[in-house]
C-alpha atoms as a PDB file:
ATOM      1  CA  MET A   1       0.000   0.000   0.000  1.00  0.00           C
ATOM      2  CA  ILE A   2       2.747   2.479   0.945  1.00  0.00           C
ATOM      3  CA  ARG A   3       4.751   1.746  -2.196  1.00  0.00           C
ATOM      4  CA  LEU A   4       1.702   2.225  -4.405  1.00  0.00           C
ATOM      5  CA  TRP A   5       0.786   5.494  -2.683  1.00  0.00           C
ATOM      6  CA  LEU A   6       4.314   6.875  -3.071  1.00  0.00           C
ATOM      7  CA  LEU A   7       4.567   5.863  -6.736  1.00  0.00           C
ATOM      8  CA  SER A   8       1.199   7.486  -7.425  1.00  0.00           C
ATOM      9  CA  PHE A   9       2.365  10.603  -5.604  1.00  0.00           C
ATOM     10  CA  VAL A  10       5.415  10.871  -7.850  1.00  0.00           C
ATOM     11  CA  CYS A  11       3.377  10.161 -10.974  1.00  0.00           C
ATOM     12  CA  GLY A  12       0.665  12.635  -9.953  1.00  0.00           C
ATOM     13  CA  TYR A  13       3.220  15.343  -9.274  1.00  0.00           C
ATOM     14  CA  GLY A  14       5.056  14.800 -12.562  1.00  0.00           C
ATOM     15  CA  ALA A  15       1.840  14.711 -14.561  1.00  0.00           C
ATOM     16  CA  THR A  16       0.597  17.841 -12.792  1.00  0.00           C
ATOM     17  CA  ARG A  17       3.750  19.744 -13.740  1.00  0.00           C
ATOM     18  CA  ALA A  18       3.309  18.603 -17.353  1.00  0.00           C
ATOM     19  CA  ALA A  19      -0.392  19.563 -17.315  1.00  0.00           C
ATOM     20  CA  GLU A  20       0.474  22.967 -15.885  1.00  0.00           C
ATOM     21  CA  TRP A  21       3.015  23.615 -18.650  1.00  0.00           C
ATOM     22  CA  ILE A  22       0.564  22.508 -21.362  1.00  0.00           C
ATOM     23  CA  ALA A  23      -2.272  24.605 -19.921  1.00  0.00           C
ATOM     24  CA  ARG A  24      -0.149  27.747 -19.792  1.00  0.00           C
ATOM     25  CA  ALA A  25       1.276  27.138 -23.257  1.00  0.00           C
ATOM     26  CA  CYS A  26      -2.274  26.817 -24.619  1.00  0.00           C
ATOM     27  CA  ALA A  27      -3.629  29.683 -22.490  1.00  0.00           C
ATOM     28  CA  PHE A  28      -6.057  27.199 -20.912  1.00  0.00           C
ATOM     29  CA  VAL A  29      -6.371  29.099 -17.637  1.00  0.00           C
ATOM     30  CA  SER A  30      -8.919  30.220 -15.074  1.00  0.00           C
ATOM     31  CA  ARG A  31      -9.360  33.972 -15.193  1.00  0.00           C
ATOM     32  CA  PRO A  32      -9.935  36.004 -11.989  1.00  0.00           C
ATOM     33  CA  ASN A  33     -13.469  35.448 -10.695  1.00  0.00           C
ATOM     34  CA  PRO A  34     -15.342  37.942  -8.485  1.00  0.00           C
ATOM     35  CA  ILE A  35     -16.843  35.076  -6.455  1.00  0.00           C
ATOM     36  CA  VAL A  36     -13.364  33.812  -5.517  1.00  0.00           C
ATOM     37  CA  ALA A  37     -11.660  37.149  -5.137  1.00  0.00           C
ATOM     38  CA  GLN A  38      -8.262  36.008  -3.825  1.00  0.00           C
ATOM     39  CA  HIS A  39      -7.007  35.201  -7.329  1.00  0.00           C
ATOM     40  CA  VAL A  40      -5.904  38.230  -9.300  1.00  0.00           C
ATOM     41  CA  THR A  41      -3.906  36.443 -12.006  1.00  0.00           C
ATOM     42  CA  PRO A  42      -4.808  33.539 -14.335  1.00  0.00           C
ATOM     43  CA  VAL A  43      -4.236  30.033 -12.926  1.00  0.00           C
ATOM     44  CA  ALA A  44      -3.631  26.956 -15.096  1.00  0.00           C
ATOM     45  CA  TYR A  45      -6.343  24.349 -15.621  1.00  0.00           C
ATOM     46  CA  LEU A  46      -5.903  20.600 -16.440  1.00  0.00           C
ATOM     47  CA  GLY A  47      -5.024  19.595 -12.874  1.00  0.00           C
ATOM     48  CA  GLY A  48      -7.577  16.809 -13.056  1.00  0.00           C
ATOM     49  CA  TRP A  49      -5.437  15.101 -15.684  1.00  0.00           C
ATOM     50  CA  GLY A  50      -2.519  15.153 -13.280  1.00  0.00           C
ATOM     51  CA  VAL A  51      -4.618  13.182 -10.780  1.00  0.00           C
ATOM     52  CA  LEU A  52      -5.964  10.844 -13.465  1.00  0.00           C
ATOM     53  CA  ALA A  53      -2.431  10.028 -14.611  1.00  0.00           C
ATOM     54  CA  GLY A  54      -1.660   8.525 -11.211  1.00  0.00           C
ATOM     55  CA  LEU A  55      -4.419   5.902 -11.403  1.00  0.00           C
ATOM     56  CA  PRO A  56      -2.799   3.459 -13.888  1.00  0.00           C
ATOM     57  CA  ILE A  57       0.044   2.934 -11.401  1.00  0.00           C
ATOM     58  CA  ALA A  58      -2.412   0.811  -9.419  1.00  0.00           C
ATOM     59  CA  GLY A  59      -2.639  -1.650 -12.296  1.00  0.00           C
ATOM     60  CA  VAL A  60       1.125  -1.753 -12.765  1.00  0.00           C
ATOM     61  CA  VAL A  61       1.888  -2.396  -9.104  1.00  0.00           C
ATOM     62  CA  ASN A  62      -0.976  -4.808  -8.427  1.00  0.00           C
ATOM     63  CA  ALA A  63      -1.647  -6.318 -11.828  1.00  0.00           C
ATOM     64  CA  ARG A  64      -3.049  -9.534 -10.348  1.00  0.00           C
ATOM     65  CA  GLU A  65      -5.692  -7.703  -8.363  1.00  0.00           C
ATOM     66  CA  GLY A  66      -7.905  -7.009 -11.351  1.00  0.00           C
ATOM     67  CA  LEU A  67      -8.851  -3.352 -11.415  1.00  0.00           C
ATOM     68  CA  SER A  68     -12.379  -2.496 -12.442  1.00  0.00           C
ATOM     69  CA  PHE A  69     -12.325  -1.605 -16.132  1.00  0.00           C
ATOM     70  CA  THR A  70     -15.685   0.138 -15.832  1.00  0.00           C
ATOM     71  CA  VAL A  71     -14.410   2.390 -13.038  1.00  0.00           C
ATOM     72  CA  LEU A  72     -11.401   3.364 -15.145  1.00  0.00           C
ATOM     73  CA  VAL A  73     -13.692   4.124 -18.089  1.00  0.00           C
ATOM     74  CA  GLY A  74     -15.886   6.261 -15.844  1.00  0.00           C
ATOM     75  CA  ALA A  75     -12.856   8.139 -14.499  1.00  0.00           C
ATOM     76  CA  VAL A  76     -11.767   9.037 -18.020  1.00  0.00           C
ATOM     77  CA  LEU A  77     -15.270  10.006 -19.190  1.00  0.00           C
ATOM     78  CA  TYR A  78     -15.941  12.311 -16.251  1.00  0.00           C
ATOM     79  CA  THR A  79     -12.493  13.892 -16.596  1.00  0.00           C
ATOM     80  CA  VAL A  80     -13.144  14.556 -20.278  1.00  0.00           C
ATOM     81  CA  LEU A  81     -16.579  16.038 -19.521  1.00  0.00           C
ATOM     82  CA  GLY A  82     -15.088  18.307 -16.875  1.00  0.00           C
ATOM     83  CA  THR A  83     -12.344  19.436 -19.242  1.00  0.00           C
ATOM     84  CA  VAL A  84     -14.896  20.402 -21.886  1.00  0.00           C
ATOM     85  CA  ASP A  85     -16.816  22.315 -19.224  1.00  0.00           C
ATOM     86  CA  ASP A  86     -13.640  24.114 -18.143  1.00  0.00           C
ATOM     87  CA  ALA A  87     -12.922  25.101 -21.735  1.00  0.00           C
ATOM     88  CA  ARG A  88     -16.447  26.253 -22.539  1.00  0.00           C
ATOM     89  CA  PRO A  89     -18.770  26.157 -19.517  1.00  0.00           C
ATOM     90  CA  PHE A  90     -22.090  24.390 -19.978  1.00  0.00           C
ATOM     91  CA  ARG A  91     -25.367  25.805 -18.815  1.00  0.00           C
ATOM     92  CA  PRO A  92     -26.622  23.887 -15.743  1.00  0.00           C
ATOM     93  CA  ALA A  93     -29.204  21.712 -17.535  1.00  0.00           C
ATOM     94  CA  PRO A  94     -26.907  20.391 -20.328  1.00  0.00           C
ATOM     95  CA  LYS A  95     -24.104  19.848 -17.813  1.00  0.00           C
ATOM     96  CA  PHE A  96     -26.338  17.775 -15.536  1.00  0.00           C
ATOM     97  CA  ALA A  97     -27.703  15.907 -18.551  1.00  0.00           C
ATOM     98  CA  TRP A  98     -24.218  14.895 -19.701  1.00  0.00           C
ATOM     99  CA  GLN A  99     -23.327  13.799 -16.175  1.00  0.00           C
ATOM    100  CA  ALA A 100     -26.455  11.633 -16.179  1.00  0.00           C
ATOM    101  CA  VAL A 101     -25.668  10.163 -19.606  1.00  0.00           C
ATOM    102  CA  ILE A 102     -22.227   9.041 -18.437  1.00  0.00           C
ATOM    103  CA  ALA A 103     -23.728   7.592 -15.253  1.00  0.00           C
ATOM    104  CA  ALA A 104     -26.305   5.673 -17.308  1.00  0.00           C
ATOM    105  CA  VAL A 105     -23.612   4.282 -19.616  1.00  0.00           C
ATOM    106  CA  LEU A 106     -21.585   3.085 -16.636  1.00  0.00           C
ATOM    107  CA  VAL A 107     -24.631   1.431 -15.083  1.00  0.00           C
ATOM    108  CA  LEU A 108     -25.263  -0.394 -18.353  1.00  0.00           C
ATOM    109  CA  LEU A 109     -21.627  -1.515 -18.286  1.00  0.00           C
ATOM    110  CA  GLY A 110     -22.252  -3.098 -14.881  1.00  0.00           C
ATOM    111  CA  LEU A 111     -21.347  -0.395 -12.368  1.00  0.00           C
ATOM    112  CA  GLN A 112     -24.269  -0.660  -9.981  1.00  0.00           C
ATOM    113  CA  ALA A 113     -24.663  -1.518  -6.333  1.00  0.00           C
ATOM    114  CA  PRO A 114     -26.408  -4.834  -5.586  1.00  0.00           C
ATOM    115  CA  VAL A 115     -28.793  -3.303  -3.046  1.00  0.00           C
ATOM    116  CA  THR A 116     -32.299  -4.505  -3.867  1.00  0.00           C
ATOM    117  CA  GLY A 117     -31.690  -7.184  -6.462  1.00  0.00           C
ATOM    118  CA  LEU A 118     -33.825  -5.282  -8.981  1.00  0.00           C
ATOM    119  CA  TRP A 119     -31.453  -4.073 -11.690  1.00  0.00           C
ATOM    120  CA  TRP A 120     -33.473  -0.987 -12.570  1.00  0.00           C
ATOM    121  CA  VAL A 121     -33.749   0.133  -8.937  1.00  0.00           C
ATOM    122  CA  ASP A 122     -30.079  -0.570  -8.269  1.00  0.00           C
ATOM    123  CA  GLY A 123     -29.178   1.216 -11.491  1.00  0.00           C
ATOM    124  CA  ALA A 124     -31.208   4.309 -10.528  1.00  0.00           C
ATOM    125  CA  LEU A 125     -29.635   4.389  -7.054  1.00  0.00           C
ATOM    126  CA  SER A 126     -26.157   4.054  -8.545  1.00  0.00           C
ATOM    127  CA  MET A 127     -26.781   6.879 -11.006  1.00  0.00           C
ATOM    128  CA  PHE A 128     -28.072   9.029  -8.160  1.00  0.00           C
ATOM    129  CA  ALA A 129     -24.923   8.348  -6.107  1.00  0.00           C
ATOM    130  CA  MET A 130     -22.669   9.340  -9.013  1.00  0.00           C
ATOM    131  CA  LEU A 131     -24.569  12.552  -9.716  1.00  0.00           C
ATOM    132  CA  VAL A 132     -24.658  13.565  -6.046  1.00  0.00           C
ATOM    133  CA  MET A 133     -20.953  13.006  -5.436  1.00  0.00           C
ATOM    134  CA  VAL A 134     -19.757  14.571  -8.687  1.00  0.00           C
ATOM    135  CA  ASN A 135     -21.705  17.742  -7.925  1.00  0.00           C
ATOM    136  CA  ALA A 136     -20.874  17.756  -4.207  1.00  0.00           C
ATOM    137  CA  VAL A 137     -17.150  17.749  -4.947  1.00  0.00           C
ATOM    138  CA  ASN A 138     -17.650  20.286  -7.735  1.00  0.00           C
ATOM    139  CA  PHE A 139     -19.429  22.660  -5.329  1.00  0.00           C
ATOM    140  CA  THR A 140     -16.630  22.321  -2.753  1.00  0.00           C
ATOM    141  CA  ASP A 141     -13.840  23.235  -5.162  1.00  0.00           C
ATOM    142  CA  VAL A 142     -13.544  26.994  -4.541  1.00  0.00           C
ATOM    143  CA  CYS A 143     -10.481  27.166  -2.277  1.00  0.00           C
ATOM    144  CA  ASP A 144      -6.851  26.446  -3.148  1.00  0.00           C
ATOM    145  CA  GLY A 145      -5.886  22.974  -1.993  1.00  0.00           C
ATOM    146  CA  LEU A 146      -9.230  22.137  -0.389  1.00  0.00           C
ATOM    147  CA  VAL A 147     -10.598  19.399  -2.636  1.00  0.00           C
ATOM    148  CA  ALA A 148      -7.140  17.935  -3.215  1.00  0.00           C
ATOM    149  CA  SER A 149      -6.571  17.747   0.559  1.00  0.00           C
ATOM    150  CA  LEU A 150      -9.954  16.127   1.075  1.00  0.00           C
ATOM    151  CA  GLY A 151      -9.234  13.797  -1.850  1.00  0.00           C
ATOM    152  CA  VAL A 152      -6.044  12.553  -0.169  1.00  0.00           C
ATOM    153  CA  VAL A 153      -7.955  11.743   3.021  1.00  0.00           C
ATOM    154  CA  THR A 154     -11.234  10.422   1.648  1.00  0.00           C
ATOM    155  CA  LEU A 155      -9.798   8.208  -1.078  1.00  0.00           C
ATOM    156  CA  LEU A 156      -7.321   6.675   1.359  1.00  0.00           C
ATOM    157  CA  ALA A 157     -10.123   6.155   3.892  1.00  0.00           C
ATOM    158  CA  VAL A 158     -12.200   4.408   1.235  1.00  0.00           C
ATOM    159  CA  ALA A 159      -9.263   2.132   0.418  1.00  0.00           C
ATOM    160  CA  LEU A 160      -8.884   1.169   4.086  1.00  0.00           C
ATOM    161  CA  LEU A 161     -12.612   0.555   4.465  1.00  0.00           C
ATOM    162  CA  LEU A 162     -12.699  -1.718   1.427  1.00  0.00           C
ATOM    163  CA  GLN A 163     -11.544  -4.480   3.795  1.00  0.00           C
ATOM    164  CA  GLY A 164      -9.013  -5.924   1.384  1.00  0.00           C
ATOM    165  CA  ARG A 165     -11.241  -5.906  -1.700  1.00  0.00           C
ATOM    166  CA  ASN A 166      -9.533  -4.171  -4.614  1.00  0.00           C
ATOM    167  CA  PRO A 167      -8.325  -0.992  -2.849  1.00  0.00           C
ATOM    168  CA  SER A 168      -5.516  -0.166  -5.293  1.00  0.00           C
ATOM    169  CA  LEU A 169      -7.354   2.337  -7.467  1.00  0.00           C
ATOM    170  CA  TRP A 170      -8.341   4.466  -4.460  1.00  0.00           C
ATOM    171  CA  ILE A 171      -4.875   4.282  -2.906  1.00  0.00           C
ATOM    172  CA  ALA A 172      -3.471   5.488  -6.213  1.00  0.00           C
ATOM    173  CA  GLY A 173      -6.071   8.256  -6.344  1.00  0.00           C
ATOM    174  CA  SER A 174      -5.076   9.429  -2.863  1.00  0.00           C
ATOM    175  CA  GLY A 175      -1.380   9.472  -3.765  1.00  0.00           C
ATOM    176  CA  ALA A 176      -2.029  11.295  -7.035  1.00  0.00           C
ATOM    177  CA  CYS A 177      -4.099  13.924  -5.191  1.00  0.00           C
ATOM    178  CA  ALA A 178      -1.160  14.455  -2.839  1.00  0.00           C
ATOM    179  CA  GLY A 179       1.192  14.884  -5.793  1.00  0.00           C
ATOM    180  CA  PHE A 180      -1.184  17.400  -7.338  1.00  0.00           C
ATOM    181  CA  LEU A 181      -1.519  19.204  -4.005  1.00  0.00           C
ATOM    182  CA  VAL A 182       2.156  20.221  -4.143  1.00  0.00           C
ATOM    183  CA  ARG A 183       1.225  22.628  -6.958  1.00  0.00           C
ATOM    184  CA  ASN A 184      -2.333  23.342  -5.793  1.00  0.00           C
ATOM    185  CA  ARG A 185      -1.598  24.385  -2.213  1.00  0.00           C
ATOM    186  CA  PRO A 186      -2.193  28.085  -1.506  1.00  0.00           C
ATOM    187  CA  PRO A 187      -1.428  30.077  -3.556  1.00  0.00           C
ATOM    188  CA  ALA A 188      -2.405  27.632  -6.292  1.00  0.00           C
ATOM    189  CA  ARG A 189      -0.352  27.365  -9.483  1.00  0.00           C
ATOM    190  CA  ILE A 190      -2.858  24.980 -11.062  1.00  0.00           C
ATOM    191  CA  PHE A 191      -6.513  24.144 -10.477  1.00  0.00           C
ATOM    192  CA  LEU A 192      -8.336  20.827 -10.544  1.00  0.00           C
ATOM    193  CA  GLY A 193     -11.082  22.462 -12.562  1.00  0.00           C
ATOM    194  CA  ASP A 194     -14.297  20.600 -13.239  1.00  0.00           C
ATOM    195  CA  ALA A 195     -12.155  17.849 -14.751  1.00  0.00           C
ATOM    196  CA  GLY A 196     -10.601  17.066 -11.375  1.00  0.00           C
ATOM    197  CA  SER A 197     -13.683  17.611  -9.235  1.00  0.00           C
ATOM    198  CA  HIS A 198     -15.729  15.343 -11.514  1.00  0.00           C
ATOM    199  CA  LEU A 199     -12.980  12.704 -11.334  1.00  0.00           C
ATOM    200  CA  ILE A 200     -12.673  12.707  -7.531  1.00  0.00           C
ATOM    201  CA  GLY A 201     -16.433  12.779  -7.040  1.00  0.00           C
ATOM    202  CA  PHE A 202     -16.870   9.830  -9.366  1.00  0.00           C
ATOM    203  CA  LEU A 203     -14.116   7.802  -7.674  1.00  0.00           C
ATOM    204  CA  LEU A 204     -15.775   8.287  -4.293  1.00  0.00           C
ATOM    205  CA  ALA A 205     -19.167   7.241  -5.639  1.00  0.00           C
ATOM    206  CA  ALA A 206     -17.719   4.276  -7.528  1.00  0.00           C
ATOM    207  CA  ALA A 207     -16.101   2.866  -4.383  1.00  0.00           C
ATOM    208  CA  TRP A 208     -19.502   2.372  -2.796  1.00  0.00           C
ATOM    209  CA  ILE A 209     -21.386   1.090  -5.835  1.00  0.00           C
ATOM    210  CA  ASP A 210     -18.763  -1.045  -7.603  1.00  0.00           C
ATOM    211  CA  PRO A 211     -19.826  -4.706  -7.174  1.00  0.00           C
ATOM    212  CA  ALA A 212     -16.147  -5.527  -6.578  1.00  0.00           C
ATOM    213  CA  GLY A 213     -15.780  -2.755  -4.020  1.00  0.00           C
ATOM    214  CA  MET A 214     -17.386  -1.389  -0.908  1.00  0.00           C
ATOM    215  CA  SER A 215     -20.891  -2.661  -1.453  1.00  0.00           C
ATOM    216  CA  ALA A 216     -19.544  -6.207  -1.376  1.00  0.00           C
ATOM    217  CA  GLY A 217     -17.106  -5.631   1.471  1.00  0.00           C
ATOM    218  CA  GLY A 218     -19.116  -3.853   4.156  1.00  0.00           C
ATOM    219  CA  GLY A 219     -19.295  -0.409   5.650  1.00  0.00           C
ATOM    220  CA  GLY A 220     -22.667   0.353   4.146  1.00  0.00           C
ATOM    221  CA  PHE A 221     -24.579   3.514   3.499  1.00  0.00           C
ATOM    222  CA  ILE A 222     -23.757   5.289   6.778  1.00  0.00           C
ATOM    223  CA  ALA A 223     -20.020   4.671   6.363  1.00  0.00           C
ATOM    224  CA  ALA A 224     -20.223   6.076   2.831  1.00  0.00           C
ATOM    225  CA  LEU A 225     -22.025   9.169   4.060  1.00  0.00           C
ATOM    226  CA  LEU A 226     -19.478   9.756   6.828  1.00  0.00           C
ATOM    227  CA  VAL A 227     -16.385   9.354   4.656  1.00  0.00           C
ATOM    228  CA  CYS A 228     -17.839  11.803   2.128  1.00  0.00           C
ATOM    229  CA  GLY A 229     -19.312  13.940   4.915  1.00  0.00           C
ATOM    230  CA  VAL A 230     -17.481  17.220   4.228  1.00  0.00           C
ATOM    231  CA  PHE A 231     -18.464  17.189   0.556  1.00  0.00           C
ATOM    232  CA  LEU A 232     -22.077  16.304   1.353  1.00  0.00           C
ATOM    233  CA  PHE A 233     -22.228  18.998   4.025  1.00  0.00           C
ATOM    234  CA  GLU A 234     -21.113  21.586   1.482  1.00  0.00           C
ATOM    235  CA  LEU A 235     -23.722  20.421  -1.032  1.00  0.00           C
ATOM    236  CA  CYS A 236     -26.550  20.640   1.513  1.00  0.00           C
ATOM    237  CA  PHE A 237     -25.310  23.838   3.170  1.00  0.00           C
ATOM    238  CA  ILE A 238     -24.849  25.940   0.064  1.00  0.00           C
ATOM    239  CA  THR A 239     -28.067  24.650  -1.515  1.00  0.00           C
ATOM    240  CA  ALA A 240     -30.062  25.600   1.586  1.00  0.00           C
ATOM    241  CA  VAL A 241     -28.440  29.048   1.812  1.00  0.00           C
ATOM    242  CA  ARG A 242     -29.083  29.811  -1.858  1.00  0.00           C
ATOM    243  CA  VAL A 243     -32.701  28.675  -1.666  1.00  0.00           C
ATOM    244  CA  LYS A 244     -33.228  30.793   1.451  1.00  0.00           C
ATOM    245  CA  LYS A 245     -31.807  33.800  -0.442  1.00  0.00           C
ATOM    246  CA  GLY A 246     -34.163  33.144  -3.343  1.00  0.00           C
ATOM    247  CA  LEU A 247     -31.325  32.078  -5.665  1.00  0.00           C
ATOM    248  CA  PRO A 248     -31.328  28.986  -7.907  1.00  0.00           C
ATOM    249  CA  TRP A 249     -29.359  26.274  -6.091  1.00  0.00           C
ATOM    250  CA  TRP A 250     -27.016  25.869  -9.049  1.00  0.00           C
ATOM    251  CA  ARG A 251     -26.134  29.552  -9.488  1.00  0.00           C
ATOM    252  CA  GLY A 252     -22.673  30.576  -8.269  1.00  0.00           C
ATOM    253  CA  SER A 253     -22.549  32.605  -5.059  1.00  0.00           C
ATOM    254  CA  PRO A 254     -19.896  33.271  -2.383  1.00  0.00           C
ATOM    255  CA  ASP A 255     -21.724  31.196   0.241  1.00  0.00           C
ATOM    256  CA  HIS A 256     -19.381  28.194   0.290  1.00  0.00           C
ATOM    257  CA  PHE A 257     -18.204  27.169   3.741  1.00  0.00           C
ATOM    258  CA  SER A 258     -14.560  27.736   2.770  1.00  0.00           C
ATOM    259  CA  LEU A 259     -15.247  31.305   1.622  1.00  0.00           C
ATOM    260  CA  ARG A 260     -17.229  32.052   4.783  1.00  0.00           C
ATOM    261  CA  LEU A 261     -14.329  30.800   6.911  1.00  0.00           C
ATOM    262  CA  GLN A 262     -11.972  33.054   4.981  1.00  0.00           C
ATOM    263  CA  ALA A 263     -14.386  35.942   5.622  1.00  0.00           C
ATOM    264  CA  ALA A 264     -14.010  35.087   9.316  1.00  0.00           C
ATOM    265  CA  GLY A 265     -10.270  35.655   8.996  1.00  0.00           C
ATOM    266  CA  TRP A 266      -9.097  32.108   8.328  1.00  0.00           C
ATOM    267  CA  SER A 267      -6.242  31.568   5.904  1.00  0.00           C
ATOM    268  CA  ARG A 268      -6.744  29.166   3.007  1.00  0.00           C
ATOM    269  CA  ALA A 269      -4.143  26.825   4.517  1.00  0.00           C
ATOM    270  CA  ARG A 270      -6.053  26.776   7.820  1.00  0.00           C
ATOM    271  CA  VAL A 271      -9.291  25.999   5.984  1.00  0.00           C
ATOM    272  CA  ASP A 272      -7.636  23.098   4.157  1.00  0.00           C
ATOM    273  CA  LEU A 273      -6.013  21.682   7.292  1.00  0.00           C
ATOM    274  CA  THR A 274      -9.196  21.920   9.343  1.00  0.00           C
ATOM    275  CA  ALA A 275     -11.312  20.324   6.614  1.00  0.00           C
ATOM    276  CA  GLY A 276      -8.769  17.527   6.272  1.00  0.00           C
ATOM    277  CA  VAL A 277      -8.758  16.843  10.021  1.00  0.00           C
ATOM    278  CA  ILE A 278     -12.564  16.804  10.105  1.00  0.00           C
ATOM    279  CA  SER A 279     -12.649  14.445   7.116  1.00  0.00           C
ATOM    280  CA  ALA A 280     -10.154  12.108   8.809  1.00  0.00           C
ATOM    281  CA  SER A 281     -12.263  12.190  11.989  1.00  0.00           C
ATOM    282  CA  LEU A 282     -15.371  11.296  10.000  1.00  0.00           C
ATOM    283  CA  ALA A 283     -13.443   8.421   8.402  1.00  0.00           C
ATOM    284  CA  GLY A 284     -12.573   7.187  11.894  1.00  0.00           C
ATOM    285  CA  LEU A 285     -16.239   7.439  12.839  1.00  0.00           C
ATOM    286  CA  ALA A 286     -17.118   5.423   9.725  1.00  0.00           C
ATOM    287  CA  TRP A 287     -14.646   2.750  10.817  1.00  0.00           C
ATOM    288  CA  ALA A 288     -16.344   2.623  14.228  1.00  0.00           C
ATOM    289  CA  VAL A 289     -19.890   2.201  12.845  1.00  0.00           C
ATOM    290  CA  PRO A 290     -20.043  -1.541  13.688  1.00  0.00           C
ATOM    291  CA  GLU A 291     -19.223  -0.765  17.345  1.00  0.00           C
ATOM    292  CA  LEU A 292     -21.194   2.469  17.757  1.00  0.00           C
ATOM    293  CA  GLY A 293     -24.167   1.530  15.632  1.00  0.00           C
ATOM    294  CA  ALA A 294     -25.380   3.325  12.536  1.00  0.00           C
ATOM    295  CA  ALA A 295     -27.890   5.517  14.386  1.00  0.00           C
ATOM    296  CA  SER A 296     -25.326   6.779  16.907  1.00  0.00           C
ATOM    297  CA  ALA A 297     -22.720   7.511  14.243  1.00  0.00           C
ATOM    298  CA  LEU A 298     -25.247   9.360  12.090  1.00  0.00           C
ATOM    299  CA  SER A 299     -26.473  11.358  15.088  1.00  0.00           C
ATOM    300  CA  LEU A 300     -22.929  12.500  15.879  1.00  0.00           C
ATOM    301  CA  TYR A 301     -22.448  13.605  12.272  1.00  0.00           C
ATOM    302  CA  LEU A 302     -25.734  15.518  12.187  1.00  0.00           C
ATOM    303  CA  LEU A 303     -24.952  17.225  15.495  1.00  0.00           C
ATOM    304  CA  ALA A 304     -21.562  18.331  14.157  1.00  0.00           C
ATOM    305  CA  ALA A 305     -23.216  19.556  10.940  1.00  0.00           C
ATOM    306  CA  VAL A 306     -25.760  21.658  12.883  1.00  0.00           C
ATOM    307  CA  LEU A 307     -23.005  23.221  15.002  1.00  0.00           C
ATOM    308  CA  ALA A 308     -20.980  23.960  11.863  1.00  0.00           C
ATOM    309  CA  CYS A 309     -23.995  25.641  10.242  1.00  0.00           C
ATOM    310  CA  GLY A 310     -24.497  27.801  13.308  1.00  0.00           C
ATOM    311  CA  TYR A 311     -20.897  28.972  13.149  1.00  0.00           C
ATOM    312  CA  LEU A 312     -20.781  29.529   9.392  1.00  0.00           C
ATOM    313  CA  LEU A 313     -24.014  31.520   9.229  1.00  0.00           C
ATOM    314  CA  ARG A 314     -22.396  34.187  11.399  1.00  0.00           C
ATOM    315  CA  PHE A 315     -20.230  35.229   8.462  1.00  0.00           C
ATOM    316  CA  GLU A 316     -21.337  36.713   5.172  1.00  0.00           C
ATOM    317  CA  VAL A 317     -18.971  37.044   2.234  1.00  0.00           C
ATOM    318  CA  LYS A 318     -19.064  40.574   0.857  1.00  0.00           C
ATOM    319  CA  ARG A 319     -18.481  40.841  -2.857  1.00  0.00           C
END
């Protein structure tokens, strides 16, 4: 496991440097955005490809383990979709439609959780999981180093919770995120973009719905929710705030938890570190679900989420 993680780290870092050079040479950059005001110069895109490049190392190191071909296909498809969106942003409806099309294709290729035994129900649930996680990670990606830091923690946690069943792809994803983070830490030289957020979101969803992965090994729905808890909190928090303000839930606004913490005087590095520690704590709680019980673990998470909302709502980001 350690060797695979380190090799993926090196590969992710090298590929990120190459992606950064290509993006700048092609002027494929993120221009300053009034919603995320800390960036005053263009920042390179294509960081998601740096993370994706670290995944094949899993197959090289553990060739006998049999990586899921469908998961690899999904990783590439979502990275490509995100790259197209970075280059020429979709309107919300077409973007969601393309996300759903890819999810449907993957379900038809066999990527669905054996929950009910009814293929159409399991397929619908699996599509829902992919769409939720892809968009949850996408919503969270507004702070240098944040999603990459969470990716390191959550993907490694997933690999540990797989209980020995085909963890290599997620170990490699964690290592590649760490390699990317070297260039994405504040102040970022390169962004994940939608390519990277779509990739990480899909990998997290796939771990729980892949028949060769978590759904067959244990942990269950509550463990999945806890490991992905920071991303899901952001999705629910910002959606609720936007709806309360009378805004469409999909429209960009500076209400993200990371931007509110920065408005409270936190540095971007402090935001990343705190989010990473919370994510690791939630992973530990997920590991303890069999001892604590699902209801107790979920109650602790919901209590923490309510307290976090109370703190965050004290701060408003001024444009």
